[in-house]
Amino acid sequence: MSSHHIIRDRQEPSLVIWDWASYEILEELLQWSPLVIVHENMLETILNWGFKVDYILSETEDFDTIHTQINYQFLYKIILIKDLQSIFSKLKDEKIEAINLLTNQALQLIETIDSIDYKVVIYDTEKVYFKINTGFSQWFYQQTIHLHTEPSQDIYIEKGFFEYDQTEKIWISYQY
C-alpha cells in the first residue's frame, strides 16, 4: 500500500542557496519540493546539477546574463537585492516566511536574524544552526550540541533527547 502526501505551496521552508552548496544536502532539503531561491553566483552550479530554480537573487541589474544561463527553464523570478542581509525583507515581500539557507556567513547572520525574527535554519559547510524557543525537544545520537549563549556551552549527547525549556531564545548548532 502506498502513502500519498499533499504538499501545498510554501508549506515547507524555501531553500536559499547563497554562497555554497552540497549536492547531498540539496537532495535532502529538496525532498518536499520547496521553492528554490539561488544567488546569481551559484546559478550555474545549481543548473548543472539539474535542479529547477524558482527565484534568482541578483545584486546587479545585469539580467541578460541570468536569462541566458536559465533560458531552458520558465516561470522564474529575479529579485534585486543589496546583500545577504537584505534578502529577508525581500522574501517577506514575496510571502516567504521560512527558509533553509546555505551560506558560509552563518555566525555573522545570527544577530541580524534575531533582530527581524525570521524563521531560518542555516547550513554552512560543517554545521547546521537554528534558533530554539521554549519547549524545544529533539533526538540526537552521538552529537555535540553547541549553545550560542553567554558563555557558550557544548553539550555531548550519547543517545537521547536534547530538551530546552528556558524562556530565553537561543541559537544552537551541531555538525551534520
N, C-alpha and C. Protein backbone atom coordinates (compact mmCIF):
# COMPACT_ATOMS: atom_id res chain seq x y z
N MET A 1 0.85 -1.17 0.00
CA MET A 1 0.00 0.00 0.00
C MET A 1 0.90 1.24 0.00
N SER A 2 0.58 2.20 -0.83
CA SER A 2 1.42 3.39 -0.90
C SER A 2 0.84 4.50 -0.04
N SER A 3 1.71 5.43 0.26
CA SER A 3 1.31 6.59 1.05
C SER A 3 1.40 7.83 0.16
N HIS A 4 0.42 8.68 0.21
CA HIS A 4 0.42 9.89 -0.60
C HIS A 4 0.44 11.10 0.33
N HIS A 5 1.25 12.05 -0.03
CA HIS A 5 1.35 13.28 0.74
C HIS A 5 1.00 14.44 -0.18
N ILE A 6 0.17 15.32 0.30
CA ILE A 6 -0.16 16.52 -0.46
C ILE A 6 0.58 17.68 0.20
N ILE A 7 1.44 18.30 -0.58
CA ILE A 7 2.20 19.43 -0.09
C ILE A 7 1.66 20.69 -0.76
N ARG A 8 1.21 21.61 0.03
CA ARG A 8 0.70 22.87 -0.51
C ARG A 8 1.86 23.82 -0.74
N ASP A 9 1.68 24.76 -1.66
CA ASP A 9 2.70 25.76 -1.93
C ASP A 9 3.10 26.46 -0.64
N ARG A 10 4.40 26.59 -0.48
CA ARG A 10 5.01 27.33 0.63
C ARG A 10 4.72 26.72 2.00
N GLN A 11 4.31 25.47 2.03
CA GLN A 11 4.11 24.79 3.31
C GLN A 11 5.46 24.46 3.95
N GLU A 12 6.43 24.10 3.12
CA GLU A 12 7.78 23.79 3.59
C GLU A 12 8.64 25.04 3.50
N PRO A 13 9.69 25.13 4.32
CA PRO A 13 10.60 26.28 4.19
C PRO A 13 11.23 26.32 2.80
N SER A 14 11.34 27.50 2.25
CA SER A 14 12.01 27.66 0.97
C SER A 14 13.51 27.43 1.15
N LEU A 15 14.17 27.08 0.07
CA LEU A 15 15.60 26.82 0.10
C LEU A 15 16.32 27.97 -0.57
N VAL A 16 17.21 28.64 0.18
CA VAL A 16 18.01 29.75 -0.35
C VAL A 16 19.46 29.30 -0.42
N ILE A 17 20.00 29.30 -1.63
CA ILE A 17 21.39 28.91 -1.85
C ILE A 17 22.17 30.19 -2.12
N TRP A 18 23.00 30.60 -1.14
CA TRP A 18 23.66 31.89 -1.23
C TRP A 18 25.09 31.78 -1.78
N ASP A 19 26.01 31.14 -1.05
CA ASP A 19 27.40 31.18 -1.50
C ASP A 19 28.11 29.82 -1.44
N TRP A 20 27.37 28.76 -1.23
CA TRP A 20 27.94 27.41 -1.33
C TRP A 20 26.78 26.41 -1.42
N ALA A 21 27.10 25.22 -1.90
CA ALA A 21 26.07 24.18 -1.98
C ALA A 21 26.72 22.82 -1.93
N SER A 22 26.00 21.88 -1.39
CA SER A 22 26.39 20.48 -1.35
C SER A 22 25.27 19.68 -1.99
N TYR A 23 25.62 18.87 -2.98
CA TYR A 23 24.60 18.08 -3.67
C TYR A 23 23.83 17.20 -2.70
N GLU A 24 24.54 16.60 -1.74
CA GLU A 24 23.88 15.71 -0.78
C GLU A 24 22.89 16.46 0.11
N ILE A 25 23.27 17.63 0.57
CA ILE A 25 22.35 18.42 1.41
C ILE A 25 21.15 18.88 0.58
N LEU A 26 21.40 19.29 -0.65
CA LEU A 26 20.29 19.72 -1.50
C LEU A 26 19.30 18.59 -1.74
N GLU A 27 19.80 17.40 -1.99
CA GLU A 27 18.89 16.26 -2.17
C GLU A 27 17.98 16.08 -0.96
N GLU A 28 18.57 16.20 0.22
CA GLU A 28 17.78 16.05 1.44
C GLU A 28 16.75 17.17 1.60
N LEU A 29 17.18 18.40 1.38
CA LEU A 29 16.29 19.55 1.58
C LEU A 29 15.22 19.67 0.49
N LEU A 30 15.45 19.07 -0.66
CA LEU A 30 14.50 19.18 -1.76
C LEU A 30 13.46 18.06 -1.78
N GLN A 31 13.47 17.20 -0.79
CA GLN A 31 12.53 16.08 -0.77
C GLN A 31 11.06 16.50 -0.81
N TRP A 32 10.75 17.64 -0.24
CA TRP A 32 9.36 18.08 -0.17
C TRP A 32 9.07 19.21 -1.15
N SER A 33 9.92 19.39 -2.14
CA SER A 33 9.71 20.35 -3.23
C SER A 33 9.50 21.79 -2.76
N PRO A 34 10.45 22.33 -2.02
CA PRO A 34 10.31 23.74 -1.61
C PRO A 34 10.60 24.67 -2.80
N LEU A 35 10.29 25.93 -2.62
CA LEU A 35 10.76 26.93 -3.58
C LEU A 35 12.28 26.95 -3.52
N VAL A 36 12.93 27.05 -4.67
CA VAL A 36 14.38 27.10 -4.72
C VAL A 36 14.80 28.50 -5.14
N ILE A 37 15.57 29.14 -4.27
CA ILE A 37 15.99 30.53 -4.47
C ILE A 37 17.51 30.52 -4.49
N VAL A 38 18.10 31.03 -5.58
CA VAL A 38 19.54 30.88 -5.79
C VAL A 38 20.17 32.25 -6.07
N HIS A 39 21.30 32.51 -5.41
CA HIS A 39 22.08 33.70 -5.73
C HIS A 39 22.66 33.53 -7.12
N GLU A 40 22.75 34.62 -7.86
CA GLU A 40 23.23 34.56 -9.25
C GLU A 40 24.61 33.91 -9.37
N ASN A 41 25.47 34.04 -8.37
CA ASN A 41 26.80 33.43 -8.44
C ASN A 41 26.78 31.92 -8.30
N MET A 42 25.71 31.36 -7.76
CA MET A 42 25.57 29.91 -7.60
C MET A 42 24.69 29.29 -8.68
N LEU A 43 24.13 30.12 -9.53
CA LEU A 43 23.14 29.66 -10.50
C LEU A 43 23.70 28.59 -11.45
N GLU A 44 24.88 28.79 -11.98
CA GLU A 44 25.45 27.82 -12.92
C GLU A 44 25.62 26.44 -12.28
N THR A 45 26.14 26.42 -11.05
CA THR A 45 26.33 25.15 -10.34
C THR A 45 25.00 24.43 -10.15
N ILE A 46 24.00 25.14 -9.69
CA ILE A 46 22.70 24.53 -9.39
C ILE A 46 22.03 24.03 -10.67
N LEU A 47 22.13 24.80 -11.75
CA LEU A 47 21.55 24.37 -13.02
C LEU A 47 22.29 23.16 -13.58
N ASN A 48 23.62 23.14 -13.45
CA ASN A 48 24.40 21.99 -13.92
C ASN A 48 24.03 20.71 -13.17
N TRP A 49 23.61 20.82 -11.91
CA TRP A 49 23.17 19.66 -11.14
C TRP A 49 21.75 19.25 -11.52
N GLY A 50 21.09 20.05 -12.34
CA GLY A 50 19.77 19.68 -12.84
C GLY A 50 18.60 20.10 -11.97
N PHE A 51 18.80 21.05 -11.06
CA PHE A 51 17.71 21.49 -10.19
C PHE A 51 16.92 22.64 -10.82
N LYS A 52 15.62 22.65 -10.59
CA LYS A 52 14.74 23.73 -11.04
C LYS A 52 14.88 24.90 -10.08
N VAL A 53 14.97 26.09 -10.63
CA VAL A 53 15.13 27.31 -9.84
C VAL A 53 13.86 28.14 -9.96
N ASP A 54 13.34 28.61 -8.82
CA ASP A 54 12.13 29.43 -8.83
C ASP A 54 12.43 30.92 -8.77
N TYR A 55 13.44 31.29 -7.97
CA TYR A 55 13.82 32.69 -7.81
C TYR A 55 15.34 32.80 -7.95
N ILE A 56 15.79 33.92 -8.51
CA ILE A 56 17.22 34.21 -8.60
C ILE A 56 17.45 35.53 -7.89
N LEU A 57 18.41 35.52 -6.96
CA LEU A 57 18.78 36.73 -6.23
C LEU A 57 19.94 37.39 -6.97
N SER A 58 19.76 38.64 -7.36
CA SER A 58 20.78 39.34 -8.13
C SER A 58 21.18 40.62 -7.42
N GLU A 59 22.49 40.85 -7.36
CA GLU A 59 23.00 42.09 -6.77
C GLU A 59 23.27 43.14 -7.85
N THR A 60 23.07 42.79 -9.10
CA THR A 60 23.23 43.73 -10.21
C THR A 60 21.98 43.68 -11.08
N GLU A 61 21.87 44.63 -11.97
CA GLU A 61 20.73 44.64 -12.88
C GLU A 61 21.10 44.05 -14.23
N ASP A 62 22.15 43.23 -14.28
CA ASP A 62 22.57 42.55 -15.50
C ASP A 62 21.76 41.27 -15.66
N PHE A 63 20.50 41.44 -15.98
CA PHE A 63 19.60 40.29 -16.07
C PHE A 63 19.81 39.48 -17.35
N ASP A 64 20.45 40.07 -18.37
CA ASP A 64 20.69 39.34 -19.62
C ASP A 64 21.52 38.09 -19.37
N THR A 65 22.55 38.19 -18.52
CA THR A 65 23.38 37.02 -18.21
C THR A 65 22.54 35.94 -17.54
N ILE A 66 21.69 36.34 -16.61
CA ILE A 66 20.83 35.38 -15.92
C ILE A 66 19.87 34.71 -16.90
N HIS A 67 19.23 35.51 -17.75
CA HIS A 67 18.29 34.95 -18.72
C HIS A 67 18.99 33.96 -19.66
N THR A 68 20.23 34.25 -20.03
CA THR A 68 21.00 33.35 -20.90
C THR A 68 21.29 32.03 -20.19
N GLN A 69 21.69 32.11 -18.89
CA GLN A 69 22.01 30.90 -18.14
C GLN A 69 20.80 30.01 -17.94
N ILE A 70 19.65 30.59 -17.73
CA ILE A 70 18.47 29.83 -17.33
C ILE A 70 17.44 29.74 -18.46
N ASN A 71 17.89 29.91 -19.69
CA ASN A 71 16.98 30.03 -20.82
C ASN A 71 16.07 28.82 -21.04
N TYR A 72 16.44 27.64 -20.58
CA TYR A 72 15.59 26.47 -20.81
C TYR A 72 14.55 26.28 -19.72
N GLN A 73 14.60 27.05 -18.65
CA GLN A 73 13.58 26.97 -17.61
C GLN A 73 12.60 28.12 -17.80
N PHE A 74 11.43 27.97 -17.25
CA PHE A 74 10.45 29.03 -17.32
C PHE A 74 9.82 29.22 -15.94
N LEU A 75 9.08 30.27 -15.81
CA LEU A 75 8.41 30.60 -14.55
C LEU A 75 9.40 30.82 -13.41
N TYR A 76 10.37 31.67 -13.63
CA TYR A 76 11.29 32.07 -12.57
C TYR A 76 11.18 33.58 -12.40
N LYS A 77 11.62 34.04 -11.25
CA LYS A 77 11.55 35.47 -10.95
C LYS A 77 12.91 35.92 -10.45
N ILE A 78 13.31 37.11 -10.86
CA ILE A 78 14.57 37.69 -10.39
C ILE A 78 14.25 38.73 -9.33
N ILE A 79 14.95 38.64 -8.19
CA ILE A 79 14.78 39.60 -7.10
C ILE A 79 16.08 40.38 -6.96
N LEU A 80 16.01 41.68 -7.08
CA LEU A 80 17.18 42.54 -6.93
C LEU A 80 17.42 42.79 -5.45
N ILE A 81 18.65 42.53 -4.99
CA ILE A 81 19.00 42.68 -3.58
C ILE A 81 20.30 43.45 -3.45
N LYS A 82 20.61 43.91 -2.21
CA LYS A 82 21.88 44.59 -1.95
C LYS A 82 22.93 43.62 -1.44
N ASP A 83 22.54 42.76 -0.50
CA ASP A 83 23.47 41.83 0.12
C ASP A 83 22.67 40.73 0.81
N LEU A 84 23.36 39.85 1.47
CA LEU A 84 22.68 38.72 2.11
C LEU A 84 21.67 39.18 3.16
N GLN A 85 22.02 40.19 3.92
CA GLN A 85 21.12 40.64 4.97
C GLN A 85 19.83 41.26 4.42
N SER A 86 19.89 41.77 3.21
CA SER A 86 18.70 42.41 2.64
C SER A 86 17.68 41.41 2.09
N ILE A 87 18.06 40.14 1.99
CA ILE A 87 17.12 39.19 1.38
C ILE A 87 15.90 38.92 2.24
N PHE A 88 16.03 39.06 3.54
CA PHE A 88 14.91 38.70 4.42
C PHE A 88 13.68 39.56 4.17
N SER A 89 13.86 40.87 4.03
CA SER A 89 12.70 41.73 3.75
C SER A 89 12.15 41.47 2.35
N LYS A 90 13.03 41.20 1.39
CA LYS A 90 12.57 40.90 0.03
C LYS A 90 11.76 39.60 0.01
N LEU A 91 12.22 38.60 0.75
CA LEU A 91 11.50 37.33 0.78
C LEU A 91 10.16 37.46 1.50
N LYS A 92 10.12 38.28 2.55
CA LYS A 92 8.84 38.52 3.22
C LYS A 92 7.86 39.20 2.27
N ASP A 93 8.38 40.10 1.42
CA ASP A 93 7.51 40.74 0.42
C ASP A 93 6.91 39.71 -0.53
N GLU A 94 7.63 38.62 -0.75
CA GLU A 94 7.16 37.53 -1.62
C GLU A 94 6.32 36.50 -0.85
N LYS A 95 6.01 36.80 0.41
CA LYS A 95 5.23 35.91 1.29
C LYS A 95 5.98 34.62 1.61
N ILE A 96 7.30 34.70 1.65
CA ILE A 96 8.15 33.57 2.03
C ILE A 96 8.55 33.80 3.48
N GLU A 97 8.00 33.00 4.38
CA GLU A 97 8.13 33.24 5.81
C GLU A 97 9.20 32.39 6.50
N ALA A 98 9.67 31.33 5.86
CA ALA A 98 10.65 30.45 6.48
C ALA A 98 11.58 29.90 5.41
N ILE A 99 12.87 29.80 5.75
CA ILE A 99 13.85 29.32 4.77
C ILE A 99 14.88 28.40 5.40
N ASN A 100 15.43 27.55 4.57
CA ASN A 100 16.68 26.85 4.85
C ASN A 100 17.72 27.59 4.00
N LEU A 101 18.78 28.06 4.63
CA LEU A 101 19.76 28.92 3.98
C LEU A 101 21.12 28.26 3.94
N LEU A 102 21.71 28.14 2.76
CA LEU A 102 23.06 27.61 2.61
C LEU A 102 24.01 28.79 2.41
N THR A 103 24.87 29.02 3.42
CA THR A 103 25.80 30.14 3.37
C THR A 103 27.00 29.87 4.25
N ASN A 104 28.11 30.51 3.92
CA ASN A 104 29.31 30.47 4.75
C ASN A 104 29.30 31.58 5.80
N GLN A 105 28.24 32.35 5.87
CA GLN A 105 28.18 33.52 6.75
C GLN A 105 27.24 33.31 7.94
N ALA A 106 27.13 32.10 8.42
CA ALA A 106 26.16 31.77 9.47
C ALA A 106 26.34 32.62 10.72
N LEU A 107 27.54 32.65 11.26
CA LEU A 107 27.74 33.36 12.53
C LEU A 107 27.47 34.86 12.40
N GLN A 108 27.78 35.44 11.26
CA GLN A 108 27.51 36.86 11.05
C GLN A 108 26.01 37.15 10.95
N LEU A 109 25.23 36.18 10.53
CA LEU A 109 23.79 36.39 10.31
C LEU A 109 22.92 36.22 11.54
N ILE A 110 23.41 35.50 12.52
CA ILE A 110 22.58 35.19 13.68
C ILE A 110 21.99 36.45 14.31
N GLU A 111 22.79 37.46 14.53
CA GLU A 111 22.29 38.69 15.15
C GLU A 111 21.27 39.39 14.27
N THR A 112 21.52 39.44 12.96
CA THR A 112 20.57 40.05 12.03
C THR A 112 19.23 39.33 12.06
N ILE A 113 19.27 38.02 12.02
CA ILE A 113 18.04 37.23 12.00
C ILE A 113 17.27 37.41 13.31
N ASP A 114 17.98 37.48 14.43
CA ASP A 114 17.31 37.72 15.70
C ASP A 114 16.55 39.04 15.69
N SER A 115 17.15 40.06 15.10
CA SER A 115 16.53 41.38 15.13
C SER A 115 15.28 41.46 14.26
N ILE A 116 15.16 40.59 13.25
CA ILE A 116 13.97 40.62 12.40
C ILE A 116 13.03 39.46 12.67
N ASP A 117 13.42 38.56 13.56
CA ASP A 117 12.58 37.44 13.97
C ASP A 117 12.08 36.63 12.77
N TYR A 118 13.02 36.19 11.95
CA TYR A 118 12.72 35.41 10.75
C TYR A 118 12.95 33.93 11.04
N LYS A 119 12.13 33.07 10.47
CA LYS A 119 12.29 31.62 10.66
C LYS A 119 13.31 31.10 9.67
N VAL A 120 14.48 30.70 10.17
CA VAL A 120 15.55 30.26 9.28
C VAL A 120 16.39 29.18 9.94
N VAL A 121 16.79 28.20 9.15
CA VAL A 121 17.79 27.22 9.53
C VAL A 121 18.95 27.46 8.59
N ILE A 122 20.16 27.60 9.16
CA ILE A 122 21.33 27.93 8.35
C ILE A 122 22.25 26.73 8.27
N TYR A 123 22.66 26.41 7.06
CA TYR A 123 23.63 25.34 6.82
C TYR A 123 24.90 25.98 6.31
N ASP A 124 26.03 25.75 7.02
CA ASP A 124 27.31 26.14 6.44
C ASP A 124 28.02 24.85 6.02
N THR A 125 29.29 24.94 5.72
CA THR A 125 29.99 23.77 5.18
C THR A 125 30.17 22.66 6.20
N GLU A 126 29.97 22.94 7.50
CA GLU A 126 30.18 21.92 8.53
C GLU A 126 29.03 21.74 9.50
N LYS A 127 28.24 22.79 9.73
CA LYS A 127 27.24 22.76 10.80
C LYS A 127 25.88 23.25 10.31
N VAL A 128 24.89 22.92 11.11
CA VAL A 128 23.55 23.47 10.93
C VAL A 128 23.24 24.31 12.17
N TYR A 129 22.65 25.49 11.96
CA TYR A 129 22.33 26.44 13.03
C TYR A 129 20.83 26.71 13.01
N PHE A 130 20.23 26.78 14.20
CA PHE A 130 18.85 27.23 14.25
C PHE A 130 18.52 27.78 15.62
N LYS A 131 17.51 28.66 15.62
CA LYS A 131 17.06 29.31 16.85
C LYS A 131 16.02 28.42 17.50
N ILE A 132 16.14 28.27 18.80
CA ILE A 132 15.14 27.49 19.53
C ILE A 132 14.45 28.35 20.57
N ASN A 133 13.23 27.98 20.84
CA ASN A 133 12.40 28.68 21.82
C ASN A 133 12.02 27.70 22.92
N THR A 134 11.26 28.14 23.85
CA THR A 134 10.78 27.29 24.93
C THR A 134 10.05 26.08 24.35
N GLY A 135 10.25 24.94 24.96
CA GLY A 135 9.53 23.76 24.56
C GLY A 135 10.20 22.96 23.46
N PHE A 136 11.47 23.22 23.19
CA PHE A 136 12.18 22.51 22.13
C PHE A 136 12.67 21.15 22.64
N SER A 137 12.50 20.12 21.81
CA SER A 137 12.99 18.79 22.13
C SER A 137 13.33 18.09 20.82
N GLN A 138 14.54 17.53 20.74
CA GLN A 138 14.95 16.82 19.53
C GLN A 138 15.86 15.66 19.90
N TRP A 139 15.71 14.56 19.18
CA TRP A 139 16.52 13.36 19.37
C TRP A 139 17.87 13.54 18.70
N PHE A 140 18.94 13.19 19.40
CA PHE A 140 20.30 13.20 18.85
C PHE A 140 20.99 11.90 19.19
N TYR A 141 21.89 11.51 18.33
CA TYR A 141 22.69 10.31 18.56
C TYR A 141 24.16 10.67 18.38
N GLN A 142 24.93 10.53 19.43
CA GLN A 142 26.36 10.83 19.45
C GLN A 142 26.65 12.17 18.78
N GLN A 143 26.15 13.20 19.40
CA GLN A 143 26.25 14.54 18.83
C GLN A 143 26.65 15.54 19.90
N THR A 144 27.52 16.48 19.53
CA THR A 144 27.83 17.60 20.41
C THR A 144 27.02 18.79 19.95
N ILE A 145 26.21 19.32 20.86
CA ILE A 145 25.36 20.48 20.60
C ILE A 145 26.08 21.70 21.15
N HIS A 146 26.21 22.74 20.32
CA HIS A 146 26.82 23.99 20.77
C HIS A 146 25.71 25.01 21.02
N LEU A 147 25.64 25.50 22.26
CA LEU A 147 24.66 26.54 22.62
C LEU A 147 25.34 27.89 22.47
N HIS A 148 24.78 28.75 21.64
CA HIS A 148 25.32 30.09 21.42
C HIS A 148 24.75 31.02 22.49
N THR A 149 25.29 30.90 23.69
CA THR A 149 24.86 31.69 24.83
C THR A 149 26.07 32.40 25.40
N GLU A 150 25.86 33.20 26.41
CA GLU A 150 26.96 33.84 27.14
C GLU A 150 27.05 33.21 28.51
N PRO A 151 28.09 32.46 28.86
CA PRO A 151 29.12 31.96 27.95
C PRO A 151 28.57 30.81 27.12
N SER A 152 29.23 30.54 25.99
CA SER A 152 28.78 29.45 25.13
C SER A 152 29.01 28.11 25.82
N GLN A 153 28.24 27.11 25.43
CA GLN A 153 28.33 25.80 26.06
C GLN A 153 28.29 24.71 24.99
N ASP A 154 29.02 23.64 25.24
CA ASP A 154 28.94 22.45 24.40
C ASP A 154 28.38 21.32 25.25
N ILE A 155 27.38 20.63 24.72
CA ILE A 155 26.75 19.51 25.41
C ILE A 155 26.86 18.28 24.53
N TYR A 156 27.46 17.23 25.07
CA TYR A 156 27.56 15.99 24.31
C TYR A 156 26.39 15.08 24.66
N ILE A 157 25.74 14.56 23.64
CA ILE A 157 24.61 13.66 23.85
C ILE A 157 24.98 12.32 23.23
N GLU A 158 25.08 11.30 24.07
CA GLU A 158 25.40 9.95 23.58
C GLU A 158 24.24 9.41 22.74
N LYS A 159 23.06 9.42 23.34
CA LYS A 159 21.85 8.96 22.66
C LYS A 159 20.67 9.44 23.48
N GLY A 160 19.81 10.23 22.87
CA GLY A 160 18.64 10.68 23.60
C GLY A 160 18.17 12.05 23.14
N PHE A 161 17.25 12.59 23.91
CA PHE A 161 16.65 13.87 23.58
C PHE A 161 17.45 15.02 24.18
N PHE A 162 17.58 16.10 23.41
CA PHE A 162 18.04 17.37 23.93
C PHE A 162 16.78 18.19 24.13
N GLU A 163 16.57 18.64 25.35
CA GLU A 163 15.37 19.43 25.66
C GLU A 163 15.79 20.79 26.17
N TYR A 164 15.04 21.80 25.75
CA TYR A 164 15.29 23.18 26.17
C TYR A 164 13.97 23.75 26.63
N ASP A 165 13.91 24.12 27.92
CA ASP A 165 12.64 24.63 28.44
C ASP A 165 12.79 25.99 29.11
N GLN A 166 13.85 26.71 28.78
CA GLN A 166 14.04 28.06 29.31
C GLN A 166 13.20 29.05 28.50
N THR A 167 13.01 30.25 29.03
CA THR A 167 12.23 31.25 28.30
C THR A 167 13.09 32.05 27.33
N GLU A 168 14.39 32.01 27.49
CA GLU A 168 15.31 32.74 26.61
C GLU A 168 15.44 32.02 25.27
N LYS A 169 15.32 32.77 24.17
CA LYS A 169 15.55 32.21 22.85
C LYS A 169 17.07 32.13 22.63
N ILE A 170 17.51 30.99 22.13
CA ILE A 170 18.94 30.84 21.85
C ILE A 170 19.15 30.15 20.50
N TRP A 171 20.35 30.27 20.00
CA TRP A 171 20.76 29.55 18.80
C TRP A 171 21.57 28.34 19.22
N ILE A 172 21.38 27.25 18.50
CA ILE A 172 22.22 26.08 18.70
C ILE A 172 22.80 25.68 17.35
N SER A 173 23.89 24.94 17.41
CA SER A 173 24.46 24.40 16.18
C SER A 173 25.05 23.03 16.48
N TYR A 174 25.16 22.25 15.43
CA TYR A 174 25.79 20.94 15.55
C TYR A 174 26.29 20.53 14.17
N GLN A 175 27.29 19.65 14.16
CA GLN A 175 27.81 19.17 12.90
C GLN A 175 26.86 18.17 12.29
N TYR A 176 26.74 18.21 10.99
CA TYR A 176 25.88 17.21 10.33
C TYR A 176 26.73 16.18 9.63
